[in-house]
């Protein structure tokens, strides 16, 4: 499976069919379709909440920068690979794609 590359303008949204729960401040998820369990952690859980509605990568980064008071470059270096992994695991999709 070839993963699409993300730009700051790419708009992402959650895929349906995942069961998500809070466990001690961290988000955990079960992908029904894939039969896999994921621990998103606290920041990953925040990202998951943000993309409950379509958001651009830039919007996600900006929201996290506000919440965690982190440098833009560091935030991008951490968030983009995380989003890429969620995309590769079919947990999120590019808005408009089916």
Protein backbone atom coordinates (compact mmCIF):
# COMPACT_ATOMS: atom_id res chain seq x y z
CA UNK A 1 0.00 0.00 0.00
CA UNK A 2 1.43 3.33 -1.02
CA UNK A 3 0.87 6.07 1.54
CA UNK A 4 0.10 9.54 0.32
CA UNK A 5 2.44 12.24 1.56
CA UNK A 6 1.01 14.94 3.76
CA UNK A 7 1.37 18.66 3.31
CA UNK A 8 0.41 21.35 5.79
CA UNK A 9 -2.75 21.94 3.73
CA UNK A 10 -3.85 18.29 3.70
CA UNK A 11 -7.23 17.98 5.43
CA UNK A 12 -7.64 14.86 7.56
CA UNK A 13 -10.57 13.23 9.32
CA UNK A 14 -11.13 10.09 11.41
CA UNK A 15 -12.15 6.87 9.68
CA UNK A 16 -15.28 5.19 11.00
CA UNK A 17 -15.34 1.78 12.64
CA UNK A 18 -12.94 2.33 15.52
CA UNK A 19 -13.76 1.94 19.19
CA UNK A 20 -11.97 4.59 21.25
CA UNK A 21 -11.77 4.82 25.02
CA UNK A 22 -9.97 6.88 27.66
CA UNK A 23 -7.68 4.94 30.00
CA UNK A 24 -5.87 6.96 32.66
CA UNK A 25 -5.71 10.08 30.49
CA UNK A 26 -4.61 8.27 27.33
CA UNK A 27 -6.68 7.28 24.31
CA UNK A 28 -6.73 3.63 23.31
CA UNK A 29 -8.38 2.37 20.15
CA UNK A 30 -9.51 -0.90 18.66
CA UNK A 31 -9.74 -1.03 14.90
CA UNK A 32 -12.65 -3.38 14.23
CA UNK A 33 -11.78 -3.71 10.54
CA UNK A 34 -8.12 -4.54 11.14
CA UNK A 35 -8.49 -6.33 14.47
CA UNK A 36 -5.66 -4.25 15.93
CA UNK A 37 -5.27 -2.35 19.17
CA UNK A 38 -3.56 1.07 19.31
CA UNK A 39 -2.45 3.19 22.26
CA UNK A 40 -2.54 6.79 21.04
CA UNK A 41 -1.26 8.24 24.30
CA UNK A 42 -2.24 11.64 25.62
CA UNK A 43 -1.02 13.81 22.73
CA UNK A 44 -2.20 11.27 20.19
CA UNK A 45 -5.57 11.35 21.90
CA UNK A 46 -5.63 15.13 21.56
CA UNK A 47 -4.85 14.76 17.86
CA UNK A 48 -7.62 12.16 17.54
CA UNK A 49 -10.12 14.56 19.13
CA UNK A 50 -9.04 17.37 16.80
CA UNK A 51 -9.71 15.31 13.69
CA UNK A 52 -13.19 14.33 14.79
CA UNK A 53 -14.10 16.97 12.24
CA UNK A 54 -11.97 17.64 9.15
CA UNK A 55 -8.83 19.65 9.98
CA UNK A 56 -5.73 20.54 8.02
CA UNK A 57 -2.34 19.40 9.23
CA UNK A 58 -1.54 23.09 9.79
CA UNK A 59 -4.62 23.51 12.04
CA UNK A 60 -3.69 20.41 14.04
CA UNK A 61 -0.12 21.65 14.55
CA UNK A 62 -1.32 25.11 15.58
CA UNK A 63 -3.81 23.73 18.12
CA UNK A 64 -1.14 21.50 19.65
CA UNK A 65 1.34 24.37 19.79
CA UNK A 66 -1.18 26.40 21.76
CA UNK A 67 -1.98 23.55 24.14
CA UNK A 68 1.59 22.40 24.76
CA UNK A 69 3.52 25.64 24.16
CA UNK A 70 5.97 23.89 21.85
CA UNK A 71 8.20 25.18 19.04
CA UNK A 72 6.68 24.98 15.55
CA UNK A 73 9.52 22.95 14.05
CA UNK A 74 9.53 20.40 16.88
CA UNK A 75 5.75 20.09 16.74
CA UNK A 76 5.79 19.47 12.99
CA UNK A 77 8.60 16.90 13.34
CA UNK A 78 6.56 14.94 15.87
CA UNK A 79 3.03 15.37 14.52
CA UNK A 80 3.48 14.73 10.80
CA UNK A 81 5.02 11.22 11.18
CA UNK A 82 2.30 10.37 13.73
CA UNK A 83 -0.41 11.46 11.28
CA UNK A 84 1.34 9.57 8.48
CA UNK A 85 1.25 6.42 10.62
CA UNK A 86 -2.47 6.86 11.39
CA UNK A 87 -3.08 7.30 7.66
CA UNK A 88 -1.07 4.19 6.82
CA UNK A 89 -3.05 2.18 9.40
CA UNK A 90 -6.33 3.42 7.84
CA UNK A 91 -7.38 5.07 11.12
CA UNK A 92 -7.67 8.46 9.43
CA UNK A 93 -8.18 9.50 5.83
CA UNK A 94 -7.68 12.52 3.66
CA UNK A 95 -10.98 14.38 3.64
CA UNK A 96 -12.77 13.78 0.38
CA UNK A 97 -11.16 10.33 -0.12
CA UNK A 98 -13.33 7.28 0.40
